[in-house]
Protein backbone atom coordinates (compact mmCIF):
# COMPACT_ATOMS: atom_id res chain seq x y z
CA UNK A 1 0.00 0.00 0.00
CA UNK A 2 1.24 3.49 -0.83
CA UNK A 3 1.24 6.01 1.99
CA UNK A 4 0.04 9.47 1.02
CA UNK A 5 2.17 12.42 2.08
CA UNK A 6 -0.88 14.59 2.71
CA UNK A 7 -4.63 14.41 2.30
CA UNK A 8 -6.39 16.48 -0.34
CA UNK A 9 -9.84 17.97 -0.06
CA UNK A 10 -12.61 16.84 -2.39
CA UNK A 11 -12.45 20.21 -4.15
CA UNK A 12 -8.75 19.69 -4.88
CA UNK A 13 -9.33 16.14 -6.12
CA UNK A 14 -12.25 16.91 -8.43
CA UNK A 15 -11.32 20.43 -9.63
CA UNK A 16 -9.46 19.39 -12.79
CA UNK A 17 -11.90 16.64 -13.86
CA UNK A 18 -14.83 19.05 -13.42
CA UNK A 19 -13.00 21.71 -15.42
CA UNK A 20 -12.34 19.23 -18.23
CA UNK A 21 -15.98 18.11 -18.19
CA UNK A 22 -17.12 21.74 -18.44
CA UNK A 23 -14.75 22.34 -21.38
CA UNK A 24 -16.01 19.26 -23.23
CA UNK A 25 -19.65 20.16 -22.58
CA UNK A 26 -19.04 23.72 -23.81
CA UNK A 27 -17.34 22.33 -26.91
CA UNK A 28 -20.17 19.92 -27.64
CA UNK A 29 -22.88 22.54 -27.24
CA UNK A 30 -20.94 25.17 -29.18
CA UNK A 31 -20.17 22.83 -32.07
CA UNK A 32 -23.77 21.60 -32.27
CA UNK A 33 -25.49 24.98 -32.06
CA UNK A 34 -23.16 27.21 -34.08
CA UNK A 35 -21.19 26.88 -37.30
CA UNK A 36 -17.94 28.20 -38.63
CA UNK A 37 -15.43 29.15 -35.98
CA UNK A 38 -17.39 27.32 -33.26
CA UNK A 39 -16.77 24.01 -35.02
CA UNK A 40 -13.02 24.47 -34.60
CA UNK A 41 -13.35 25.77 -31.05
CA UNK A 42 -15.65 22.88 -30.21
CA UNK A 43 -13.19 20.34 -31.61
CA UNK A 44 -10.36 21.88 -29.59
CA UNK A 45 -12.43 21.86 -26.40
CA UNK A 46 -13.55 18.27 -26.95
CA UNK A 47 -9.90 17.26 -27.43
CA UNK A 48 -8.80 18.96 -24.18
CA UNK A 49 -8.97 15.80 -21.98
CA UNK A 50 -6.74 13.94 -24.44
CA UNK A 51 -4.26 16.81 -24.46
CA UNK A 52 -4.31 16.85 -20.64
CA UNK A 53 -3.57 13.11 -20.49
CA UNK A 54 -0.66 13.39 -22.94
CA UNK A 55 0.73 16.37 -21.03
CA UNK A 56 0.50 14.48 -17.71
CA UNK A 57 2.19 11.37 -19.15
CA UNK A 58 5.06 13.42 -20.61
CA UNK A 59 5.51 15.29 -17.33
CA UNK A 60 5.53 12.01 -15.37
CA UNK A 61 8.05 10.48 -17.76
CA UNK A 62 10.33 13.48 -17.37
CA UNK A 63 10.10 13.30 -13.57
CA UNK A 64 10.96 9.60 -13.47
CA UNK A 65 13.73 9.93 -16.07
CA UNK A 66 15.56 12.50 -13.96
CA UNK A 67 14.97 10.81 -10.62
CA UNK A 68 17.79 8.64 -9.31
CA UNK A 69 17.04 4.96 -9.08
CA UNK A 70 16.96 3.26 -5.68
CA UNK A 71 20.19 1.44 -6.49
CA UNK A 72 21.96 4.69 -7.31
CA UNK A 73 22.92 3.53 -10.81
CA UNK A 74 20.70 5.95 -12.74
CA UNK A 75 19.17 4.75 -16.00
CA UNK A 76 21.77 2.12 -16.84
CA UNK A 77 20.53 -1.25 -17.90
CA UNK A 78 20.97 -4.00 -15.33
CA UNK A 79 23.84 -6.33 -16.11
CA UNK A 80 23.49 -10.08 -16.03
CA UNK A 81 25.90 -12.14 -13.95
CA UNK A 82 29.12 -12.58 -15.89
CA UNK A 83 28.34 -9.83 -18.41
CA UNK A 84 31.66 -8.21 -19.32
CA UNK A 85 30.43 -5.99 -22.17
CA UNK A 86 30.73 -2.85 -20.06
CA UNK A 87 33.47 -3.97 -17.71
CA UNK A 88 36.50 -1.72 -17.33
CA UNK A 89 40.01 -3.00 -17.22
PDB file of N, CA and C in Angstrom:
ATOM      1  N   UNK A   1       0.843  -1.162   0.000  1.00  0.00           N
ATOM      2  CA  UNK A   1       0.000   0.000   0.000  1.00  0.00           C
ATOM      3  C   UNK A   1       0.896   1.235   0.000  1.00  0.00           C
ATOM      4  N   UNK A   2       0.474   2.261  -0.728  1.00  0.00           N
ATOM      5  CA  UNK A   2       1.241   3.493  -0.832  1.00  0.00           C
ATOM      6  C   UNK A   2       0.724   4.487   0.203  1.00  0.00           C
ATOM      7  N   UNK A   3       1.625   5.012   0.997  1.00  0.00           N
ATOM      8  CA  UNK A   3       1.242   6.007   1.994  1.00  0.00           C
ATOM      9  C   UNK A   3       1.215   7.388   1.343  1.00  0.00           C
ATOM     10  N   UNK A   4       0.160   8.125   1.576  1.00  0.00           N
ATOM     11  CA  UNK A   4       0.042   9.465   1.019  1.00  0.00           C
ATOM     12  C   UNK A   4       0.757  10.460   1.933  1.00  0.00           C
ATOM     13  N   UNK A   5       1.441  11.425   1.313  1.00  0.00           N
ATOM     14  CA  UNK A   5       2.168  12.421   2.083  1.00  0.00           C
ATOM     15  C   UNK A   5       1.207  13.379   2.779  1.00  0.00           C
ATOM     16  N   UNK A   6       0.115  13.708   2.119  1.00  0.00           N
ATOM     17  CA  UNK A   6      -0.880  14.592   2.712  1.00  0.00           C
ATOM     18  C   UNK A   6      -2.245  14.275   2.099  1.00  0.00           C
ATOM     19  N   UNK A   7      -3.276  14.653   2.794  1.00  0.00           N
ATOM     20  CA  UNK A   7      -4.631  14.410   2.301  1.00  0.00           C
ATOM     21  C   UNK A   7      -5.106  15.636   1.540  1.00  0.00           C
ATOM     22  N   UNK A   8      -5.845  15.392   0.462  1.00  0.00           N
ATOM     23  CA  UNK A   8      -6.385  16.479  -0.336  1.00  0.00           C
ATOM     24  C   UNK A   8      -7.886  16.577  -0.099  1.00  0.00           C
ATOM     25  N   UNK A   9      -8.411  17.786  -0.204  1.00  0.00           N
ATOM     26  CA  UNK A   9      -9.842  17.975  -0.060  1.00  0.00           C
ATOM     27  C   UNK A   9     -10.547  17.473  -1.321  1.00  0.00           C
ATOM     28  N   UNK A  10     -11.846  17.273  -1.225  1.00  0.00           N
ATOM     29  CA  UNK A  10     -12.613  16.843  -2.388  1.00  0.00           C
ATOM     30  C   UNK A  10     -12.550  17.881  -3.503  1.00  0.00           C
ATOM     31  N   UNK A  11     -12.543  19.156  -3.135  1.00  0.00           N
ATOM     32  CA  UNK A  11     -12.451  20.208  -4.147  1.00  0.00           C
ATOM     33  C   UNK A  11     -11.135  20.107  -4.915  1.00  0.00           C
ATOM     34  N   UNK A  12     -10.044  19.819  -4.221  1.00  0.00           N
ATOM     35  CA  UNK A  12      -8.747  19.693  -4.879  1.00  0.00           C
ATOM     36  C   UNK A  12      -8.696  18.450  -5.767  1.00  0.00           C
ATOM     37  N   UNK A  13      -9.338  17.385  -5.348  1.00  0.00           N
ATOM     38  CA  UNK A  13      -9.329  16.139  -6.117  1.00  0.00           C
ATOM     39  C   UNK A  13     -10.149  16.275  -7.395  1.00  0.00           C
ATOM     40  N   UNK A  14     -11.325  16.892  -7.305  1.00  0.00           N
ATOM     41  CA  UNK A  14     -12.245  16.915  -8.431  1.00  0.00           C
ATOM     42  C   UNK A  14     -12.209  18.207  -9.243  1.00  0.00           C
ATOM     43  N   UNK A  15     -11.351  19.150  -8.919  1.00  0.00           N
ATOM     44  CA  UNK A  15     -11.321  20.428  -9.627  1.00  0.00           C
ATOM     45  C   UNK A  15     -10.963  20.250 -11.102  1.00  0.00           C
ATOM     46  N   UNK A  16      -9.891  19.555 -11.395  1.00  0.00           N
ATOM     47  CA  UNK A  16      -9.463  19.388 -12.786  1.00  0.00           C
ATOM     48  C   UNK A  16     -10.438  18.528 -13.597  1.00  0.00           C
ATOM     49  N   UNK A  17     -10.918  17.392 -13.078  1.00  0.00           N
ATOM     50  CA  UNK A  17     -11.905  16.638 -13.861  1.00  0.00           C
ATOM     51  C   UNK A  17     -13.184  17.429 -14.137  1.00  0.00           C
ATOM     52  N   UNK A  18     -13.639  18.231 -13.184  1.00  0.00           N
ATOM     53  CA  UNK A  18     -14.831  19.045 -13.419  1.00  0.00           C
ATOM     54  C   UNK A  18     -14.560  20.139 -14.449  1.00  0.00           C
ATOM     55  N   UNK A  19     -13.370  20.717 -14.425  1.00  0.00           N
ATOM     56  CA  UNK A  19     -13.003  21.713 -15.422  1.00  0.00           C
ATOM     57  C   UNK A  19     -12.975  21.089 -16.818  1.00  0.00           C
ATOM     58  N   UNK A  20     -12.378  19.909 -16.935  1.00  0.00           N
ATOM     59  CA  UNK A  20     -12.335  19.229 -18.230  1.00  0.00           C
ATOM     60  C   UNK A  20     -13.737  18.871 -18.714  1.00  0.00           C
ATOM     61  N   UNK A  21     -14.597  18.431 -17.814  1.00  0.00           N
ATOM     62  CA  UNK A  21     -15.981  18.114 -18.189  1.00  0.00           C
ATOM     63  C   UNK A  21     -16.705  19.357 -18.684  1.00  0.00           C
ATOM     64  N   UNK A  22     -16.488  20.487 -18.012  1.00  0.00           N
ATOM     65  CA  UNK A  22     -17.119  21.739 -18.442  1.00  0.00           C
ATOM     66  C   UNK A  22     -16.609  22.173 -19.812  1.00  0.00           C
ATOM     67  N   UNK A  23     -15.305  21.994 -20.069  1.00  0.00           N
ATOM     68  CA  UNK A  23     -14.751  22.339 -21.378  1.00  0.00           C
ATOM     69  C   UNK A  23     -15.349  21.473 -22.479  1.00  0.00           C
ATOM     70  N   UNK A  24     -15.445  20.168 -22.227  1.00  0.00           N
ATOM     71  CA  UNK A  24     -16.013  19.257 -23.226  1.00  0.00           C
ATOM     72  C   UNK A  24     -17.477  19.589 -23.480  1.00  0.00           C
ATOM     73  N   UNK A  25     -18.237  19.829 -22.425  1.00  0.00           N
ATOM     74  CA  UNK A  25     -19.653  20.160 -22.582  1.00  0.00           C
ATOM     75  C   UNK A  25     -19.821  21.471 -23.363  1.00  0.00           C
ATOM     76  N   UNK A  26     -18.998  22.460 -23.065  1.00  0.00           N
ATOM     77  CA  UNK A  26     -19.036  23.719 -23.811  1.00  0.00           C
ATOM     78  C   UNK A  26     -18.698  23.478 -25.282  1.00  0.00           C
ATOM     79  N   UNK A  27     -17.705  22.649 -25.534  1.00  0.00           N
ATOM     80  CA  UNK A  27     -17.335  22.335 -26.913  1.00  0.00           C
ATOM     81  C   UNK A  27     -18.433  21.613 -27.664  1.00  0.00           C
ATOM     82  N   UNK A  28     -19.076  20.654 -27.003  1.00  0.00           N
ATOM     83  CA  UNK A  28     -20.172  19.923 -27.644  1.00  0.00           C
ATOM     84  C   UNK A  28     -21.332  20.849 -27.976  1.00  0.00           C
ATOM     85  N   UNK A  29     -21.740  21.639 -27.022  1.00  0.00           N
ATOM     86  CA  UNK A  29     -22.877  22.535 -27.241  1.00  0.00           C
ATOM     87  C   UNK A  29     -22.534  23.585 -28.297  1.00  0.00           C
ATOM     88  N   UNK A  30     -21.345  24.152 -28.210  1.00  0.00           N
ATOM     89  CA  UNK A  30     -20.940  25.171 -29.179  1.00  0.00           C
ATOM     90  C   UNK A  30     -20.858  24.618 -30.592  1.00  0.00           C
ATOM     91  N   UNK A  31     -20.302  23.421 -30.744  1.00  0.00           N
ATOM     92  CA  UNK A  31     -20.166  22.828 -32.074  1.00  0.00           C
ATOM     93  C   UNK A  31     -21.520  22.413 -32.643  1.00  0.00           C
ATOM     94  N   UNK A  32     -22.450  22.022 -31.783  1.00  0.00           N
ATOM     95  CA  UNK A  32     -23.773  21.600 -32.267  1.00  0.00           C
ATOM     96  C   UNK A  32     -24.670  22.788 -32.612  1.00  0.00           C
ATOM     97  N   UNK A  33     -24.565  23.863 -31.870  1.00  0.00           N
ATOM     98  CA  UNK A  33     -25.494  24.981 -32.058  1.00  0.00           C
ATOM     99  C   UNK A  33     -24.987  26.056 -33.014  1.00  0.00           C
ATOM    100  N   UNK A  34     -23.702  26.153 -33.225  1.00  0.00           N
ATOM    101  CA  UNK A  34     -23.163  27.211 -34.085  1.00  0.00           C
ATOM    102  C   UNK A  34     -22.280  26.589 -35.160  1.00  0.00           C
ATOM    103  N   UNK A  35     -22.041  27.341 -36.205  1.00  0.00           N
ATOM    104  CA  UNK A  35     -21.191  26.875 -37.301  1.00  0.00           C
ATOM    105  C   UNK A  35     -19.966  27.774 -37.434  1.00  0.00           C
ATOM    106  N   UNK A  36     -19.115  27.378 -38.344  1.00  0.00           N
ATOM    107  CA  UNK A  36     -17.939  28.196 -38.629  1.00  0.00           C
ATOM    108  C   UNK A  36     -16.863  28.033 -37.584  1.00  0.00           C
ATOM    109  N   UNK A  37     -16.522  29.138 -36.961  1.00  0.00           N
ATOM    110  CA  UNK A  37     -15.432  29.149 -35.976  1.00  0.00           C
ATOM    111  C   UNK A  37     -15.750  28.233 -34.805  1.00  0.00           C
ATOM    112  N   UNK A  38     -17.026  28.146 -34.409  1.00  0.00           N
ATOM    113  CA  UNK A  38     -17.387  27.320 -33.263  1.00  0.00           C
ATOM    114  C   UNK A  38     -17.111  25.843 -33.496  1.00  0.00           C
ATOM    115  N   UNK A  39     -17.117  25.402 -34.753  1.00  0.00           N
ATOM    116  CA  UNK A  39     -16.766  24.007 -35.021  1.00  0.00           C
ATOM    117  C   UNK A  39     -15.315  23.725 -34.629  1.00  0.00           C
ATOM    118  N   UNK A  40     -14.424  24.635 -34.974  1.00  0.00           N
ATOM    119  CA  UNK A  40     -13.015  24.471 -34.601  1.00  0.00           C
ATOM    120  C   UNK A  40     -12.796  24.614 -33.110  1.00  0.00           C
ATOM    121  N   UNK A  41     -13.461  25.598 -32.500  1.00  0.00           N
ATOM    122  CA  UNK A  41     -13.350  25.775 -31.048  1.00  0.00           C
ATOM    123  C   UNK A  41     -13.901  24.555 -30.333  1.00  0.00           C
ATOM    124  N   UNK A  42     -15.044  24.059 -30.822  1.00  0.00           N
ATOM    125  CA  UNK A  42     -15.648  22.876 -30.210  1.00  0.00           C
ATOM    126  C   UNK A  42     -14.741  21.658 -30.300  1.00  0.00           C
ATOM    127  N   UNK A  43     -14.106  21.467 -31.454  1.00  0.00           N
ATOM    128  CA  UNK A  43     -13.187  20.337 -31.612  1.00  0.00           C
ATOM    129  C   UNK A  43     -12.008  20.453 -30.656  1.00  0.00           C
ATOM    130  N   UNK A  44     -11.481  21.674 -30.509  1.00  0.00           N
ATOM    131  CA  UNK A  44     -10.360  21.879 -29.588  1.00  0.00           C
ATOM    132  C   UNK A  44     -10.777  21.616 -28.137  1.00  0.00           C
ATOM    133  N   UNK A  45     -11.963  22.082 -27.766  1.00  0.00           N
ATOM    134  CA  UNK A  45     -12.428  21.864 -26.396  1.00  0.00           C
ATOM    135  C   UNK A  45     -12.727  20.392 -26.130  1.00  0.00           C
ATOM    136  N   UNK A  46     -13.269  19.697 -27.119  1.00  0.00           N
ATOM    137  CA  UNK A  46     -13.551  18.269 -26.955  1.00  0.00           C
ATOM    138  C   UNK A  46     -12.247  17.476 -26.834  1.00  0.00           C
ATOM    139  N   UNK A  47     -11.196  17.936 -27.486  1.00  0.00           N
ATOM    140  CA  UNK A  47      -9.899  17.256 -27.428  1.00  0.00           C
ATOM    141  C   UNK A  47      -9.116  17.579 -26.159  1.00  0.00           C
ATOM    142  N   UNK A  48      -9.572  18.519 -25.348  1.00  0.00           N
ATOM    143  CA  UNK A  48      -8.796  18.957 -24.179  1.00  0.00           C
ATOM    144  C   UNK A  48      -8.484  17.838 -23.176  1.00  0.00           C
ATOM    145  N   UNK A  49      -9.371  16.879 -22.893  1.00  0.00           N
ATOM    146  CA  UNK A  49      -8.969  15.800 -21.976  1.00  0.00           C
ATOM    147  C   UNK A  49      -7.826  14.947 -22.534  1.00  0.00           C
ATOM    148  N   UNK A  50      -7.842  14.689 -23.831  1.00  0.00           N
ATOM    149  CA  UNK A  50      -6.740  13.939 -24.441  1.00  0.00           C
ATOM    150  C   UNK A  50      -5.427  14.680 -24.346  1.00  0.00           C
ATOM    151  N   UNK A  51      -5.476  15.979 -24.577  1.00  0.00           N
ATOM    152  CA  UNK A  51      -4.264  16.806 -24.456  1.00  0.00           C
ATOM    153  C   UNK A  51      -3.767  16.799 -23.008  1.00  0.00           C
ATOM    154  N   UNK A  52      -4.694  16.868 -22.057  1.00  0.00           N
ATOM    155  CA  UNK A  52      -4.307  16.855 -20.641  1.00  0.00           C
ATOM    156  C   UNK A  52      -3.646  15.530 -20.260  1.00  0.00           C
ATOM    157  N   UNK A  53      -4.150  14.424 -20.786  1.00  0.00           N
ATOM    158  CA  UNK A  53      -3.568  13.109 -20.489  1.00  0.00           C
ATOM    159  C   UNK A  53      -2.162  13.008 -21.071  1.00  0.00           C
ATOM    160  N   UNK A  54      -1.984  13.429 -22.319  1.00  0.00           N
ATOM    161  CA  UNK A  54      -0.657  13.387 -22.936  1.00  0.00           C
ATOM    162  C   UNK A  54       0.315  14.267 -22.166  1.00  0.00           C
ATOM    163  N   UNK A  55      -0.131  15.472 -21.794  1.00  0.00           N
ATOM    164  CA  UNK A  55       0.731  16.373 -21.026  1.00  0.00           C
ATOM    165  C   UNK A  55       1.149  15.734 -19.694  1.00  0.00           C
ATOM    166  N   UNK A  56       0.200  15.108 -19.001  1.00  0.00           N
ATOM    167  CA  UNK A  56       0.505  14.483 -17.711  1.00  0.00           C
ATOM    168  C   UNK A  56       1.466  13.313 -17.873  1.00  0.00           C
ATOM    169  N   UNK A  57       1.289  12.510 -18.932  1.00  0.00           N
ATOM    170  CA  UNK A  57       2.188  11.369 -19.154  1.00  0.00           C
ATOM    171  C   UNK A  57       3.612  11.838 -19.468  1.00  0.00           C
ATOM    172  N   UNK A  58       3.732  12.888 -20.285  1.00  0.00           N
ATOM    173  CA  UNK A  58       5.056  13.418 -20.614  1.00  0.00           C
ATOM    174  C   UNK A  58       5.713  13.995 -19.362  1.00  0.00           C
ATOM    175  N   UNK A  59       4.955  14.723 -18.559  1.00  0.00           N
ATOM    176  CA  UNK A  59       5.507  15.293 -17.328  1.00  0.00           C
ATOM    177  C   UNK A  59       5.950  14.190 -16.368  1.00  0.00           C
ATOM    178  N   UNK A  60       5.158  13.129 -16.251  1.00  0.00           N
ATOM    179  CA  UNK A  60       5.528  12.013 -15.368  1.00  0.00           C
ATOM    180  C   UNK A  60       6.769  11.297 -15.882  1.00  0.00           C
ATOM    181  N   UNK A  61       6.869  11.136 -17.198  1.00  0.00           N
ATOM    182  CA  UNK A  61       8.049  10.477 -17.764  1.00  0.00           C
ATOM    183  C   UNK A  61       9.306  11.305 -17.526  1.00  0.00           C
ATOM    184  N   UNK A  62       9.176  12.619 -17.632  1.00  0.00           N
ATOM    185  CA  UNK A  62      10.333  13.477 -17.366  1.00  0.00           C
ATOM    186  C   UNK A  62      10.751  13.425 -15.907  1.00  0.00           C
ATOM    187  N   UNK A  63       9.767  13.378 -15.006  1.00  0.00           N
ATOM    188  CA  UNK A  63      10.098  13.300 -13.575  1.00  0.00           C
ATOM    189  C   UNK A  63      10.819  12.002 -13.264  1.00  0.00           C
ATOM    190  N   UNK A  64      10.341  10.882 -13.792  1.00  0.00           N
ATOM    191  CA  UNK A  64      10.956   9.600 -13.474  1.00  0.00           C
ATOM    192  C   UNK A  64      12.288   9.428 -14.190  1.00  0.00           C
ATOM    193  N   UNK A  65      12.469  10.054 -15.347  1.00  0.00           N
ATOM    194  CA  UNK A  65      13.731   9.929 -16.068  1.00  0.00           C
ATOM    195  C   UNK A  65      14.862  10.659 -15.348  1.00  0.00           C
ATOM    196  N   UNK A  66      14.536  11.724 -14.648  1.00  0.00           N
ATOM    197  CA  UNK A  66      15.557  12.499 -13.962  1.00  0.00           C
ATOM    198  C   UNK A  66      15.739  12.085 -12.507  1.00  0.00           C
ATOM    199  N   UNK A  67      14.861  11.245 -12.007  1.00  0.00           N
ATOM    200  CA  UNK A  67      14.966  10.808 -10.616  1.00  0.00           C
ATOM    201  C   UNK A  67      16.010   9.695 -10.514  1.00  0.00           C
ATOM    202  N   UNK A  68      16.824   9.723  -9.483  1.00  0.00           N
ATOM    203  CA  UNK A  68      17.794   8.644  -9.305  1.00  0.00           C
ATOM    204  C   UNK A  68      17.095   7.350  -8.932  1.00  0.00           C
ATOM    205  N   UNK A  69      17.639   6.252  -9.403  1.00  0.00           N
ATOM    206  CA  UNK A  69      17.042   4.962  -9.084  1.00  0.00           C
ATOM    207  C   UNK A  69      17.410   4.572  -7.659  1.00  0.00           C
ATOM    208  N   UNK A  70      16.662   3.669  -7.053  1.00  0.00           N
ATOM    209  CA  UNK A  70      16.958   3.264  -5.675  1.00  0.00           C
ATOM    210  C   UNK A  70      18.343   2.662  -5.521  1.00  0.00           C
ATOM    211  N   UNK A  71      18.862   2.038  -6.561  1.00  0.00           N
ATOM    212  CA  UNK A  71      20.188   1.443  -6.490  1.00  0.00           C
ATOM    213  C   UNK A  71      21.307   2.440  -6.707  1.00  0.00           C
ATOM    214  N   UNK A  72      20.964   3.657  -7.096  1.00  0.00           N
ATOM    215  CA  UNK A  72      21.962   4.689  -7.310  1.00  0.00           C
ATOM    216  C   UNK A  72      22.696   4.581  -8.623  1.00  0.00           C
ATOM    217  N   UNK A  73      22.216   3.731  -9.544  1.00  0.00           N
ATOM    218  CA  UNK A  73      22.924   3.532 -10.806  1.00  0.00           C
ATOM    219  C   UNK A  73      22.311   4.335 -11.946  1.00  0.00           C
ATOM    220  N   UNK A  74      21.294   5.138 -11.690  1.00  0.00           N
ATOM    221  CA  UNK A  74      20.701   5.950 -12.742  1.00  0.00           C
ATOM    222  C   UNK A  74      19.875   5.123 -13.709  1.00  0.00           C
ATOM    223  N   UNK A  75      19.986   5.420 -14.991  1.00  0.00           N
ATOM    224  CA  UNK A  75      19.171   4.753 -16.001  1.00  0.00           C
ATOM    225  C   UNK A  75      19.930   3.673 -16.757  1.00  0.00           C
ATOM    226  N   UNK A  76      21.012   3.174 -16.182  1.00  0.00           N
ATOM    227  CA  UNK A  76      21.768   2.122 -16.842  1.00  0.00           C
ATOM    228  C   UNK A  76      20.954   0.840 -16.853  1.00  0.00           C
ATOM    229  N   UNK A  77      21.222   0.028 -17.867  1.00  0.00           N
ATOM    230  CA  UNK A  77      20.530  -1.255 -17.902  1.00  0.00           C
ATOM    231  C   UNK A  77      21.176  -2.197 -16.896  1.00  0.00           C
ATOM    232  N   UNK A  78      20.377  -3.047 -16.286  1.00  0.00           N
ATOM    233  CA  UNK A  78      20.967  -4.001 -15.335  1.00  0.00           C
ATOM    234  C   UNK A  78      21.826  -5.021 -16.078  1.00  0.00           C
ATOM    235  N   UNK A  79      22.944  -5.367 -15.483  1.00  0.00           N
ATOM    236  CA  UNK A  79      23.842  -6.335 -16.114  1.00  0.00           C
ATOM    237  C   UNK A  79      23.576  -7.731 -15.570  1.00  0.00           C
ATOM    238  N   UNK A  80      23.646  -8.683 -16.440  1.00  0.00           N
ATOM    239  CA  UNK A  80      23.493 -10.077 -16.032  1.00  0.00           C
ATOM    240  C   UNK A  80      24.799 -10.543 -15.389  1.00  0.00           C
ATOM    241  N   UNK A  81      24.704 -11.595 -14.595  1.00  0.00           N
ATOM    242  CA  UNK A  81      25.896 -12.144 -13.954  1.00  0.00           C
ATOM    243  C   UNK A  81      26.877 -12.602 -15.033  1.00  0.00           C
ATOM    244  N   UNK A  82      28.099 -12.184 -14.934  1.00  0.00           N
ATOM    245  CA  UNK A  82      29.118 -12.576 -15.887  1.00  0.00           C
ATOM    246  C   UNK A  82      29.164 -11.725 -17.142  1.00  0.00           C
ATOM    247  N   UNK A  83      28.357 -10.716 -17.246  1.00  0.00           N
ATOM    248  CA  UNK A  83      28.337  -9.834 -18.411  1.00  0.00           C
ATOM    249  C   UNK A  83      29.540  -8.916 -18.346  1.00  0.00           C
ATOM    250  N   UNK A  84      30.445  -9.016 -19.315  1.00  0.00           N
ATOM    251  CA  UNK A  84      31.659  -8.215 -19.316  1.00  0.00           C
ATOM    252  C   UNK A  84      31.639  -7.168 -20.412  1.00  0.00           C
ATOM    253  N   UNK A  85      30.482  -6.925 -21.039  1.00  0.00           N
ATOM    254  CA  UNK A  85      30.432  -5.991 -22.169  1.00  0.00           C
ATOM    255  C   UNK A  85      30.739  -4.568 -21.754  1.00  0.00           C
ATOM    256  N   UNK A  86      30.479  -4.212 -20.519  1.00  0.00           N
ATOM    257  CA  UNK A  86      30.731  -2.850 -20.060  1.00  0.00           C
ATOM    258  C   UNK A  86      31.815  -2.805 -18.999  1.00  0.00           C
ATOM    259  N   UNK A  87      32.471  -3.925 -18.773  1.00  0.00           N
ATOM    260  CA  UNK A  87      33.473  -3.974 -17.713  1.00  0.00           C
ATOM    261  C   UNK A  87      34.709  -3.185 -18.086  1.00  0.00           C
ATOM    262  N   UNK A  88      35.279  -2.505 -17.103  1.00  0.00           N
ATOM    263  CA  UNK A  88      36.499  -1.725 -17.327  1.00  0.00           C
ATOM    264  C   UNK A  88      37.699  -2.572 -16.939  1.00  0.00           C
ATOM    265  N   UNK A  89      38.788  -2.346 -17.633  1.00  0.00           N
ATOM    266  CA  UNK A  89      40.006  -2.999 -17.218  1.00  0.00           C
ATOM    267  C   UNK A  89      40.390  -4.049 -18.078  1.00  0.00           C
TER     268      UNK A  89
END
